[in-house]
Amino acid sequence: MHEVSLGQSIQDYLTGEELELTTYEDLRQGLARLLVEEKGYPKANLSPRVPIQFLVDGNPFSRNVDILVRNEHGDPALALLFCSGTPETYTREAVYAARLLPEAPAPLVIVTDSKDARLLSAASGKVLASGFTAIPSWEELQDLLAQHPAPQLDPTRLAREQRVFYMYSGFLEGCCGQSCPA
């Protein structure tokens, strides 16, 4: 199933702005609500739709992280990505996304299809927890951040990681809300 417009708008839970309602946007909104209302995340520490942008062979490429959680200093802490298939098939792509955030890599990443989830270390790519209970509370996140530092990327590794992320994401061009017309 591809992300398509439903011809309506929805108010973003985090920003209050009006958004186009798509087949997946209500799920993204539900994740934001879960983080704030059930897991105790400060709303001010959540940024929706954070773009990862770079050039590939001179052509611009962009892909969004659905929600970026920032720590108390404003640094990337946890990237959340919604996937349209089973989370285990998107874990590597999600790890690359966490590593390639515009400000700095996030130490942790969650990939979820709204039924299941995987919490991963961005540095090692290892699955730290599975199931929807893998989404840590704000307090649990602080402990996890202390145990899992963000990966360091030198310019050569950064270029390689961008290329691999582009390849993983390449099948989305022209569909799934990336570039396709509504």
Protein backbone atom coordinates (compact mmCIF):
# COMPACT_ATOMS: atom_id res chain seq x y z
CA MET A 1 0.00 0.00 0.00
CA HIS A 2 1.32 3.44 -0.92
CA GLU A 3 0.79 6.64 1.01
CA VAL A 4 -1.87 8.65 -0.78
CA SER A 5 -3.88 11.75 -0.04
CA LEU A 6 -7.34 11.29 1.43
CA GLY A 7 -8.41 14.74 0.21
CA GLN A 8 -8.76 16.17 3.71
CA SER A 9 -6.63 17.94 6.26
CA ILE A 10 -5.64 17.08 9.81
CA GLN A 11 -4.16 19.19 12.59
CA ASP A 12 -0.64 18.16 13.52
CA TYR A 13 -0.55 17.07 17.16
CA LEU A 14 2.94 18.49 17.73
CA THR A 15 2.86 21.77 15.81
CA GLY A 16 -0.84 22.59 15.44
CA GLU A 17 -0.40 23.23 11.71
CA GLU A 18 -2.85 21.90 9.16
CA LEU A 19 -1.51 18.94 7.20
CA GLU A 20 -2.77 16.94 4.28
CA LEU A 21 -4.42 13.78 5.59
CA THR A 22 -2.84 10.74 3.99
CA THR A 23 -3.26 7.03 4.50
CA TYR A 24 -0.35 7.11 6.99
CA GLU A 25 -0.58 10.55 8.61
CA ASP A 26 -3.10 9.47 11.23
CA LEU A 27 -0.63 6.73 12.26
CA ARG A 28 2.18 9.26 12.58
CA GLN A 29 -0.10 11.46 14.69
CA GLY A 30 -0.90 8.46 16.88
CA LEU A 31 2.83 7.85 17.45
CA ALA A 32 3.30 11.46 18.53
CA ARG A 33 0.37 11.19 20.96
CA LEU A 34 1.73 7.92 22.35
CA LEU A 35 5.13 9.48 23.01
CA VAL A 36 3.69 12.51 24.81
CA GLU A 37 0.61 11.17 26.57
CA GLU A 38 1.69 7.64 27.45
CA LYS A 39 5.49 7.67 27.42
CA GLY A 40 6.05 11.08 29.05
CA TYR A 41 8.05 12.79 26.29
CA PRO A 42 8.03 16.59 26.44
CA LYS A 43 6.18 17.81 23.35
CA ALA A 44 8.83 20.52 22.89
CA ASN A 45 11.48 17.81 22.39
CA LEU A 46 9.69 16.25 19.39
CA SER A 47 10.17 17.47 15.83
CA PRO A 48 7.95 16.05 13.08
CA ARG A 49 8.95 15.40 9.48
CA VAL A 50 12.69 16.15 9.76
CA PRO A 51 14.25 16.00 6.29
CA ILE A 52 17.47 14.20 5.52
CA GLN A 53 18.82 15.91 2.41
CA PHE A 54 21.96 15.43 0.34
CA LEU A 55 23.14 15.20 -3.25
CA VAL A 56 23.48 11.91 -5.11
CA ASP A 57 25.47 12.21 -8.32
CA GLY A 58 24.67 15.94 -8.28
CA ASN A 59 20.92 15.40 -7.87
CA PRO A 60 19.06 16.42 -4.70
CA PHE A 61 17.67 13.63 -2.53
CA SER A 62 15.36 14.05 0.45
CA ARG A 63 13.69 11.65 2.86
CA ASN A 64 11.94 12.49 6.12
CA VAL A 65 12.30 11.01 9.57
CA ASP A 66 8.74 10.92 10.88
CA ILE A 67 9.59 12.14 14.40
CA LEU A 68 12.92 13.22 15.83
CA VAL A 69 13.25 13.19 19.61
CA ARG A 70 15.80 15.61 21.01
CA ASN A 71 17.52 15.35 24.37
CA GLU A 72 17.39 18.08 27.01
CA HIS A 73 20.20 19.94 25.18
CA GLY A 74 18.38 19.88 21.83
CA ASP A 75 20.62 17.24 20.25
CA PRO A 76 19.18 14.33 18.24
CA ALA A 77 18.45 11.40 20.57
CA LEU A 78 15.94 9.08 18.89
CA ALA A 79 14.68 8.93 15.31
CA LEU A 80 11.28 7.34 14.69
CA LEU A 81 10.34 6.03 11.28
CA PHE A 82 7.02 4.64 10.25
CA CYS A 83 7.28 1.80 7.74
CA SER A 84 4.67 0.31 5.46
CA GLY A 85 5.89 -3.25 5.95
CA THR A 86 7.15 -5.33 8.82
CA PRO A 87 9.70 -3.44 10.94
CA GLU A 88 12.38 -6.12 10.67
CA THR A 89 12.57 -5.50 6.92
CA TYR A 90 13.26 -1.77 7.47
CA THR A 91 15.81 -1.92 10.29
CA ARG A 92 18.92 -1.25 8.20
CA GLU A 93 17.27 1.63 6.37
CA ALA A 94 16.16 3.13 9.71
CA VAL A 95 19.70 2.87 11.13
CA TYR A 96 21.07 4.78 8.14
CA ALA A 97 18.40 7.46 8.60
CA ALA A 98 19.39 7.92 12.25
CA ARG A 99 23.04 8.28 11.24
CA LEU A 100 22.34 10.84 8.52
CA LEU A 101 20.22 13.41 10.36
CA PRO A 102 21.14 16.96 9.33
CA GLU A 103 22.49 18.17 12.70
CA ALA A 104 24.18 15.02 13.96
CA PRO A 105 23.49 11.29 14.22
CA ALA A 106 20.90 10.10 16.73
CA PRO A 107 22.12 7.34 19.05
CA LEU A 108 18.85 5.39 18.80
CA VAL A 109 16.18 4.66 16.23
CA ILE A 110 12.75 3.06 16.27
CA VAL A 111 11.07 1.64 13.21
CA THR A 112 7.39 0.75 13.49
CA ASP A 113 4.42 -0.22 11.38
CA SER A 114 2.05 0.75 14.28
CA LYS A 115 1.57 -2.92 15.19
CA ASP A 116 5.16 -3.87 15.92
CA ALA A 117 8.37 -1.94 16.57
CA ARG A 118 12.13 -2.37 16.75
CA LEU A 119 14.44 -0.23 18.89
CA LEU A 120 17.95 -0.15 17.46
CA SER A 121 21.37 1.24 18.26
CA ALA A 122 22.37 3.57 15.43
CA ALA A 123 26.06 2.89 16.05
CA SER A 124 25.93 -0.91 15.88
CA GLY A 125 22.63 -1.52 14.09
CA LYS A 126 21.74 -4.09 16.74
CA VAL A 127 18.15 -4.61 17.82
CA LEU A 128 17.89 -3.57 21.47
CA ALA A 129 14.21 -4.42 21.92
CA SER A 130 11.30 -5.75 19.87
CA GLY A 131 7.57 -5.37 20.05
CA PHE A 132 5.51 -2.28 20.67
CA THR A 133 6.82 -2.18 24.24
CA ALA A 134 10.25 -1.49 22.69
CA ILE A 135 9.31 2.20 22.61
CA PRO A 136 10.94 3.49 25.81
CA SER A 137 9.45 6.01 28.18
CA TRP A 138 11.20 9.39 28.42
CA GLU A 139 12.93 8.19 31.62
CA GLU A 140 14.01 4.90 30.04
CA LEU A 141 15.32 6.81 27.04
CA GLN A 142 17.72 8.75 29.28
CA ASP A 143 19.26 5.48 30.52
CA LEU A 144 19.49 4.11 26.99
CA LEU A 145 21.22 7.27 25.75
CA ALA A 146 23.87 6.87 28.45
CA GLN A 147 24.52 3.29 27.29
CA HIS A 148 24.44 3.91 23.52
CA PRO A 149 26.47 6.84 22.17
CA ALA A 150 25.81 8.28 18.74
CA PRO A 151 27.95 6.95 15.89
CA GLN A 152 30.77 9.11 14.57
CA LEU A 153 30.96 9.55 10.79
CA ASP A 154 34.06 10.85 9.04
CA PRO A 155 33.48 12.43 5.59
CA THR A 156 34.32 9.21 3.71
CA ARG A 157 31.98 7.10 5.82
CA LEU A 158 29.29 9.80 5.59
CA ALA A 159 29.41 9.65 1.77
CA ARG A 160 29.16 5.83 1.82
CA GLU A 161 26.27 5.88 4.27
CA GLN A 162 24.42 8.45 2.16
CA ARG A 163 24.81 6.25 -0.91
CA VAL A 164 23.52 3.15 0.90
CA PHE A 165 20.58 5.06 2.43
CA TYR A 166 19.73 6.39 -1.02
CA MET A 167 19.73 2.85 -2.40
CA TYR A 168 17.46 1.60 0.41
CA SER A 169 15.12 4.56 -0.10
CA GLY A 170 15.32 4.56 -3.89
CA PHE A 171 12.29 2.38 -4.40
CA LEU A 172 10.19 5.09 -2.71
CA GLU A 173 10.89 7.72 -5.37
CA GLY A 174 7.65 8.48 -7.08
CA CYS A 175 5.50 6.81 -4.41
CA CYS A 176 4.80 6.60 -0.69
CA GLY A 177 4.51 10.34 -0.21
CA GLN A 178 7.99 11.14 -1.47
CA SER A 179 7.43 12.64 -4.90
CA CYS A 180 4.16 11.30 -6.16
CA PRO A 181 1.24 13.54 -6.95
CA ALA A 182 -1.69 13.43 -4.57
